Amino acid sequence: MHPNDPTRKPERLFRLCEIEPLTGLKKSSIYAGMKAGTFPGCIRLSARAVAWRESDIATWQAQRQQAGGQP
């Protein structure tokens, strides 16, 4: 499916308050993981707001399950 396909459903974006319960991580661990390259990066929505793509979080969760939850 092409990214500009008008029939394509827009990807959901998660804010930090949604990411914490989805991942079981707190804010400090999320940002530390981003810095270390072990957690997906966020996208800037505005000067003071960021969000994470649903697909990036799903991929991260799948990788963690394959690794058996090992850090």
PDB file of N, CA and C in Angstrom:
ATOM      1  N   MET A   1       0.847  -1.173   0.000  1.00  0.00           N
ATOM      2  CA  MET A   1       0.000   0.000   0.000  1.00  0.00           C
ATOM      3  C   MET A   1       0.898   1.244   0.000  1.00  0.00           C
ATOM      4  N   HIS A   2       0.578   2.175  -0.805  1.00  0.00           N
ATOM      5  CA  HIS A   2       1.359   3.404  -0.944  1.00  0.00           C
ATOM      6  C   HIS A   2       1.056   4.362   0.207  1.00  0.00           C
ATOM      7  N   PRO A   3       2.084   5.065   0.735  1.00  0.00           N
ATOM      8  CA  PRO A   3       1.858   5.961   1.884  1.00  0.00           C
ATOM      9  C   PRO A   3       0.855   7.075   1.609  1.00  0.00           C
ATOM     10  N   ASN A   4       0.702   7.476   0.346  1.00  0.00           N
ATOM     11  CA  ASN A   4      -0.229   8.557   0.015  1.00  0.00           C
ATOM     12  C   ASN A   4      -1.583   8.039  -0.445  1.00  0.00           C
ATOM     13  N   ASP A   5      -1.846   6.764  -0.270  1.00  0.00           N
ATOM     14  CA  ASP A   5      -3.106   6.148  -0.652  1.00  0.00           C
ATOM     15  C   ASP A   5      -4.227   6.735   0.204  1.00  0.00           C
ATOM     16  N   PRO A   6      -5.257   7.349  -0.421  1.00  0.00           N
ATOM     17  CA  PRO A   6      -6.332   7.963   0.369  1.00  0.00           C
ATOM     18  C   PRO A   6      -7.162   6.962   1.159  1.00  0.00           C
ATOM     19  N   THR A   7      -7.088   5.661   0.816  1.00  0.00           N
ATOM     20  CA  THR A   7      -7.847   4.656   1.556  1.00  0.00           C
ATOM     21  C   THR A   7      -7.078   4.143   2.763  1.00  0.00           C
ATOM     22  N   ARG A   8      -5.824   4.553   2.882  1.00  0.00           N
ATOM     23  CA  ARG A   8      -4.975   4.110   3.983  1.00  0.00           C
ATOM     24  C   ARG A   8      -5.402   4.777   5.285  1.00  0.00           C
ATOM     25  N   LYS A   9      -5.539   3.966   6.328  1.00  0.00           N
ATOM     26  CA  LYS A   9      -5.906   4.486   7.650  1.00  0.00           C
ATOM     27  C   LYS A   9      -4.693   5.198   8.256  1.00  0.00           C
ATOM     28  N   PRO A  10      -4.870   6.405   8.791  1.00  0.00           N
ATOM     29  CA  PRO A  10      -3.731   7.098   9.402  1.00  0.00           C
ATOM     30  C   PRO A  10      -3.198   6.327  10.609  1.00  0.00           C
ATOM     31  N   GLU A  11      -1.875   6.373  10.765  1.00  0.00           N
ATOM     32  CA  GLU A  11      -1.252   5.659  11.878  1.00  0.00           C
ATOM     33  C   GLU A  11      -1.559   6.362  13.192  1.00  0.00           C
ATOM     34  N   ARG A  12      -1.817   5.570  14.203  1.00  0.00           N
ATOM     35  CA  ARG A  12      -2.097   6.116  15.538  1.00  0.00           C
ATOM     36  C   ARG A  12      -0.806   6.590  16.172  1.00  0.00           C
ATOM     37  N   LEU A  13      -0.902   7.689  16.874  1.00  0.00           N
ATOM     38  CA  LEU A  13       0.223   8.229  17.631  1.00  0.00           C
ATOM     39  C   LEU A  13      -0.108   8.137  19.110  1.00  0.00           C
ATOM     40  N   PHE A  14       0.876   7.692  19.895  1.00  0.00           N
ATOM     41  CA  PHE A  14       0.707   7.552  21.340  1.00  0.00           C
ATOM     42  C   PHE A  14       1.480   8.637  22.062  1.00  0.00           C
ATOM     43  N   ARG A  15       0.854   9.260  23.025  1.00  0.00           N
ATOM     44  CA  ARG A  15       1.530  10.224  23.882  1.00  0.00           C
ATOM     45  C   ARG A  15       2.174   9.460  25.041  1.00  0.00           C
ATOM     46  N   LEU A  16       3.050  10.121  25.783  1.00  0.00           N
ATOM     47  CA  LEU A  16       3.797   9.487  26.862  1.00  0.00           C
ATOM     48  C   LEU A  16       2.888   8.788  27.872  1.00  0.00           C
ATOM     49  N   CYS A  17       1.773   9.421  28.218  1.00  0.00           N
ATOM     50  CA  CYS A  17       0.861   8.821  29.211  1.00  0.00           C
ATOM     51  C   CYS A  17       0.272   7.503  28.712  1.00  0.00           C
ATOM     52  N   GLU A  18       0.282   7.256  27.403  1.00  0.00           N
ATOM     53  CA  GLU A  18      -0.190   5.989  26.850  1.00  0.00           C
ATOM     54  C   GLU A  18       0.957   4.994  26.691  1.00  0.00           C
ATOM     55  N   ILE A  19       2.153   5.508  26.435  1.00  0.00           N
ATOM     56  CA  ILE A  19       3.327   4.663  26.226  1.00  0.00           C
ATOM     57  C   ILE A  19       3.728   3.961  27.524  1.00  0.00           C
ATOM     58  N   GLU A  20       3.662   4.667  28.637  1.00  0.00           N
ATOM     59  CA  GLU A  20       4.070   4.073  29.913  1.00  0.00           C
ATOM     60  C   GLU A  20       3.308   2.787  30.232  1.00  0.00           C
ATOM     61  N   PRO A  21       1.969   2.765  30.188  1.00  0.00           N
ATOM     62  CA  PRO A  21       1.282   1.503  30.493  1.00  0.00           C
ATOM     63  C   PRO A  21       1.462   0.442  29.400  1.00  0.00           C
ATOM     64  N   LEU A  22       1.640   0.863  28.153  1.00  0.00           N
ATOM     65  CA  LEU A  22       1.845  -0.097  27.058  1.00  0.00           C
ATOM     66  C   LEU A  22       3.163  -0.849  27.202  1.00  0.00           C
ATOM     67  N   THR A  23       4.181  -0.147  27.686  1.00  0.00           N
ATOM     68  CA  THR A  23       5.524  -0.731  27.739  1.00  0.00           C
ATOM     69  C   THR A  23       5.924  -1.195  29.133  1.00  0.00           C
ATOM     70  N   GLY A  24       5.271  -0.675  30.146  1.00  0.00           N
ATOM     71  CA  GLY A  24       5.673  -0.982  31.514  1.00  0.00           C
ATOM     72  C   GLY A  24       6.875  -0.164  31.958  1.00  0.00           C
ATOM     73  N   LEU A  25       7.269   0.814  31.144  1.00  0.00           N
ATOM     74  CA  LEU A  25       8.410   1.671  31.461  1.00  0.00           C
ATOM     75  C   LEU A  25       7.938   3.041  31.910  1.00  0.00           C
ATOM     76  N   LYS A  26       8.745   3.683  32.725  1.00  0.00           N
ATOM     77  CA  LYS A  26       8.470   5.051  33.144  1.00  0.00           C
ATOM     78  C   LYS A  26       9.220   6.019  32.243  1.00  0.00           C
ATOM     79  N   LYS A  27       8.871   7.277  32.361  1.00  0.00           N
ATOM     80  CA  LYS A  27       9.414   8.335  31.515  1.00  0.00           C
ATOM     81  C   LYS A  27      10.939   8.312  31.432  1.00  0.00           C
ATOM     82  N   SER A  28      11.608   8.197  32.568  1.00  0.00           N
ATOM     83  CA  SER A  28      13.068   8.238  32.579  1.00  0.00           C
ATOM     84  C   SER A  28      13.668   7.063  31.804  1.00  0.00           C
ATOM     85  N   SER A  29      13.069   5.878  31.927  1.00  0.00           N
ATOM     86  CA  SER A  29      13.558   4.697  31.204  1.00  0.00           C
ATOM     87  C   SER A  29      13.298   4.821  29.705  1.00  0.00           C
ATOM     88  N   ILE A  30      12.172   5.397  29.344  1.00  0.00           N
ATOM     89  CA  ILE A  30      11.840   5.595  27.931  1.00  0.00           C
ATOM     90  C   ILE A  30      12.856   6.522  27.286  1.00  0.00           C
ATOM     91  N   TYR A  31      13.120   7.654  27.919  1.00  0.00           N
ATOM     92  CA  TYR A  31      14.070   8.610  27.346  1.00  0.00           C
ATOM     93  C   TYR A  31      15.502   8.086  27.381  1.00  0.00           C
ATOM     94  N   ALA A  32      15.852   7.321  28.403  1.00  0.00           N
ATOM     95  CA  ALA A  32      17.184   6.703  28.451  1.00  0.00           C
ATOM     96  C   ALA A  32      17.327   5.684  27.315  1.00  0.00           C
ATOM     97  N   GLY A  33      16.273   4.912  27.063  1.00  0.00           N
ATOM     98  CA  GLY A  33      16.281   3.956  25.967  1.00  0.00           C
ATOM     99  C   GLY A  33      16.389   4.621  24.613  1.00  0.00           C
ATOM    100  N   MET A  34      15.711   5.749  24.456  1.00  0.00           N
ATOM    101  CA  MET A  34      15.829   6.505  23.206  1.00  0.00           C
ATOM    102  C   MET A  34      17.266   6.963  23.001  1.00  0.00           C
ATOM    103  N   LYS A  35      17.875   7.472  24.058  1.00  0.00           N
ATOM    104  CA  LYS A  35      19.252   7.958  23.974  1.00  0.00           C
ATOM    105  C   LYS A  35      20.223   6.822  23.657  1.00  0.00           C
ATOM    106  N   ALA A  36      19.972   5.644  24.227  1.00  0.00           N
ATOM    107  CA  ALA A  36      20.837   4.487  24.010  1.00  0.00           C
ATOM    108  C   ALA A  36      20.547   3.780  22.684  1.00  0.00           C
ATOM    109  N   GLY A  37      19.433   4.148  22.047  1.00  0.00           N
ATOM    110  CA  GLY A  37      19.065   3.513  20.787  1.00  0.00           C
ATOM    111  C   GLY A  37      18.341   2.193  20.952  1.00  0.00           C
ATOM    112  N   THR A  38      17.842   1.923  22.161  1.00  0.00           N
ATOM    113  CA  THR A  38      17.147   0.667  22.423  1.00  0.00           C
ATOM    114  C   THR A  38      15.633   0.832  22.500  1.00  0.00           C
ATOM    115  N   PHE A  39      15.151   2.049  22.337  1.00  0.00           N
ATOM    116  CA  PHE A  39      13.719   2.339  22.348  1.00  0.00           C
ATOM    117  C   PHE A  39      13.424   3.270  21.188  1.00  0.00           C
ATOM    118  N   PRO A  40      12.272   3.112  20.538  1.00  0.00           N
ATOM    119  CA  PRO A  40      11.959   3.952  19.379  1.00  0.00           C
ATOM    120  C   PRO A  40      11.968   5.443  19.712  1.00  0.00           C
ATOM    121  N   GLY A  41      12.401   6.214  18.759  1.00  0.00           N
ATOM    122  CA  GLY A  41      12.393   7.664  18.908  1.00  0.00           C
ATOM    123  C   GLY A  41      10.986   8.222  18.762  1.00  0.00           C
ATOM    124  N   CYS A  42      10.799   9.394  19.300  1.00  0.00           N
ATOM    125  CA  CYS A  42       9.500  10.056  19.218  1.00  0.00           C
ATOM    126  C   CYS A  42       9.505  11.041  18.049  1.00  0.00           C
ATOM    127  N   ILE A  43       8.332  11.517  17.717  1.00  0.00           N
ATOM    128  CA  ILE A  43       8.210  12.569  16.717  1.00  0.00           C
ATOM    129  C   ILE A  43       7.656  13.810  17.406  1.00  0.00           C
ATOM    130  N   ARG A  44       8.119  14.946  16.991  1.00  0.00           N
ATOM    131  CA  ARG A  44       7.696  16.210  17.599  1.00  0.00           C
ATOM    132  C   ARG A  44       6.377  16.645  16.978  1.00  0.00           C
ATOM    133  N   LEU A  45       5.387  16.900  17.834  1.00  0.00           N
ATOM    134  CA  LEU A  45       4.089  17.393  17.385  1.00  0.00           C
ATOM    135  C   LEU A  45       4.021  18.909  17.452  1.00  0.00           C
ATOM    136  N   SER A  46       4.690  19.468  18.443  1.00  0.00           N
ATOM    137  CA  SER A  46       4.758  20.914  18.619  1.00  0.00           C
ATOM    138  C   SER A  46       5.984  21.212  19.483  1.00  0.00           C
ATOM    139  N   ALA A  47       6.139  22.441  19.875  1.00  0.00           N
ATOM    140  CA  ALA A  47       7.305  22.823  20.677  1.00  0.00           C
ATOM    141  C   ALA A  47       7.371  22.061  22.004  1.00  0.00           C
ATOM    142  N   ARG A  48       6.216  21.665  22.535  1.00  0.00           N
ATOM    143  CA  ARG A  48       6.190  21.002  23.840  1.00  0.00           C
ATOM    144  C   ARG A  48       5.471  19.662  23.840  1.00  0.00           C
ATOM    145  N   ALA A  49       5.262  19.083  22.671  1.00  0.00           N
ATOM    146  CA  ALA A  49       4.529  17.814  22.611  1.00  0.00           C
ATOM    147  C   ALA A  49       5.216  16.845  21.658  1.00  0.00           C
ATOM    148  N   VAL A  50       5.357  15.596  22.128  1.00  0.00           N
ATOM    149  CA  VAL A  50       5.920  14.529  21.303  1.00  0.00           C
ATOM    150  C   VAL A  50       4.986  13.323  21.359  1.00  0.00           C
ATOM    151  N   ALA A  51       5.168  12.418  20.401  1.00  0.00           N
ATOM    152  CA  ALA A  51       4.370  11.196  20.357  1.00  0.00           C
ATOM    153  C   ALA A  51       5.197  10.102  19.698  1.00  0.00           C
ATOM    154  N   TRP A  52       4.743   8.867  19.871  1.00  0.00           N
ATOM    155  CA  TRP A  52       5.409   7.711  19.278  1.00  0.00           C
ATOM    156  C   TRP A  52       4.450   7.048  18.311  1.00  0.00           C
ATOM    157  N   ARG A  53       4.979   6.562  17.184  1.00  0.00           N
ATOM    158  CA  ARG A  53       4.164   5.857  16.199  1.00  0.00           C
ATOM    159  C   ARG A  53       3.792   4.475  16.728  1.00  0.00           C
ATOM    160  N   GLU A  54       2.552   4.092  16.512  1.00  0.00           N
ATOM    161  CA  GLU A  54       2.060   2.785  16.944  1.00  0.00           C
ATOM    162  C   GLU A  54       2.906   1.663  16.345  1.00  0.00           C
ATOM    163  N   SER A  55       3.272   1.789  15.077  1.00  0.00           N
ATOM    164  CA  SER A  55       4.056   0.736  14.416  1.00  0.00           C
ATOM    165  C   SER A  55       5.443   0.594  15.034  1.00  0.00           C
ATOM    166  N   ASP A  56       6.053   1.708  15.441  1.00  0.00           N
ATOM    167  CA  ASP A  56       7.376   1.650  16.072  1.00  0.00           C
ATOM    168  C   ASP A  56       7.306   0.933  17.418  1.00  0.00           C
ATOM    169  N   ILE A  57       6.252   1.217  18.178  1.00  0.00           N
ATOM    170  CA  ILE A  57       6.092   0.575  19.489  1.00  0.00           C
ATOM    171  C   ILE A  57       5.792  -0.908  19.306  1.00  0.00           C
ATOM    172  N   ALA A  58       4.959  -1.261  18.330  1.00  0.00           N
ATOM    173  CA  ALA A  58       4.639  -2.671  18.069  1.00  0.00           C
ATOM    174  C   ALA A  58       5.895  -3.437  17.657  1.00  0.00           C
ATOM    175  N   THR A  59       6.731  -2.837  16.835  1.00  0.00           N
ATOM    176  CA  THR A  59       7.982  -3.474  16.415  1.00  0.00           C
ATOM    177  C   THR A  59       8.893  -3.675  17.621  1.00  0.00           C
ATOM    178  N   TRP A  60       9.012  -2.672  18.469  1.00  0.00           N
ATOM    179  CA  TRP A  60       9.846  -2.759  19.675  1.00  0.00           C
ATOM    180  C   TRP A  60       9.342  -3.886  20.577  1.00  0.00           C
ATOM    181  N   GLN A  61       8.018  -3.967  20.764  1.00  0.00           N
ATOM    182  CA  GLN A  61       7.452  -5.008  21.615  1.00  0.00           C
ATOM    183  C   GLN A  61       7.727  -6.398  21.032  1.00  0.00           C
ATOM    184  N   ALA A  62       7.595  -6.542  19.728  1.00  0.00           N
ATOM    185  CA  ALA A  62       7.857  -7.826  19.074  1.00  0.00           C
ATOM    186  C   ALA A  62       9.318  -8.233  19.244  1.00  0.00           C
ATOM    187  N   GLN A  63      10.223  -7.283  19.115  1.00  0.00           N
ATOM    188  CA  GLN A  63      11.657  -7.565  19.290  1.00  0.00           C
ATOM    189  C   GLN A  63      11.934  -7.984  20.730  1.00  0.00           C
ATOM    190  N   ARG A  64      11.299  -7.356  21.681  1.00  0.00           N
ATOM    191  CA  ARG A  64      11.488  -7.706  23.095  1.00  0.00           C
ATOM    192  C   ARG A  64      10.964  -9.117  23.367  1.00  0.00           C
ATOM    193  N   GLN A  65       9.857  -9.488  22.767  1.00  0.00           N
ATOM    194  CA  GLN A  65       9.297 -10.821  22.966  1.00  0.00           C
ATOM    195  C   GLN A  65      10.215 -11.880  22.354  1.00  0.00           C
ATOM    196  N   GLN A  66      10.775 -11.584  21.177  1.00  0.00           N
ATOM    197  CA  GLN A  66      11.688 -12.518  20.531  1.00  0.00           C
ATOM    198  C   GLN A  66      12.962 -12.700  21.353  1.00  0.00           C
ATOM    199  N   ALA A  67      13.409 -11.627  21.999  1.00  0.00           N
ATOM    200  CA  ALA A  67      14.604 -11.682  22.816  1.00  0.00           C
ATOM    201  C   ALA A  67      14.328 -12.276  24.203  1.00  0.00           C
ATOM    202  N   GLY A  68      13.071 -12.581  24.463  1.00  0.00           N
ATOM    203  CA  GLY A  68      12.711 -13.147  25.759  1.00  0.00           C
ATOM    204  C   GLY A  68      12.711 -12.114  26.865  1.00  0.00           C
ATOM    205  N   GLY A  69      12.568 -10.810  26.485  1.00  0.00           N
ATOM    206  CA  GLY A  69      12.541  -9.749  27.476  1.00  0.00           C
ATOM    207  C   GLY A  69      13.896  -9.391  28.036  1.00  0.00           C
ATOM    208  N   GLN A  70      14.968  -9.895  27.415  1.00  0.00           N
ATOM    209  CA  GLN A  70      16.316  -9.592  27.909  1.00  0.00           C
ATOM    210  C   GLN A  70      16.689  -8.157  27.570  1.00  0.00           C
ATOM    211  N   PRO A  71      17.336  -7.428  28.469  1.00  0.00           N
ATOM    212  CA  PRO A  71      17.741  -6.041  28.200  1.00  0.00           C
ATOM    213  C   PRO A  71      18.815  -5.969  27.146  1.00  0.00           C
TER     214      PRO A  71
END
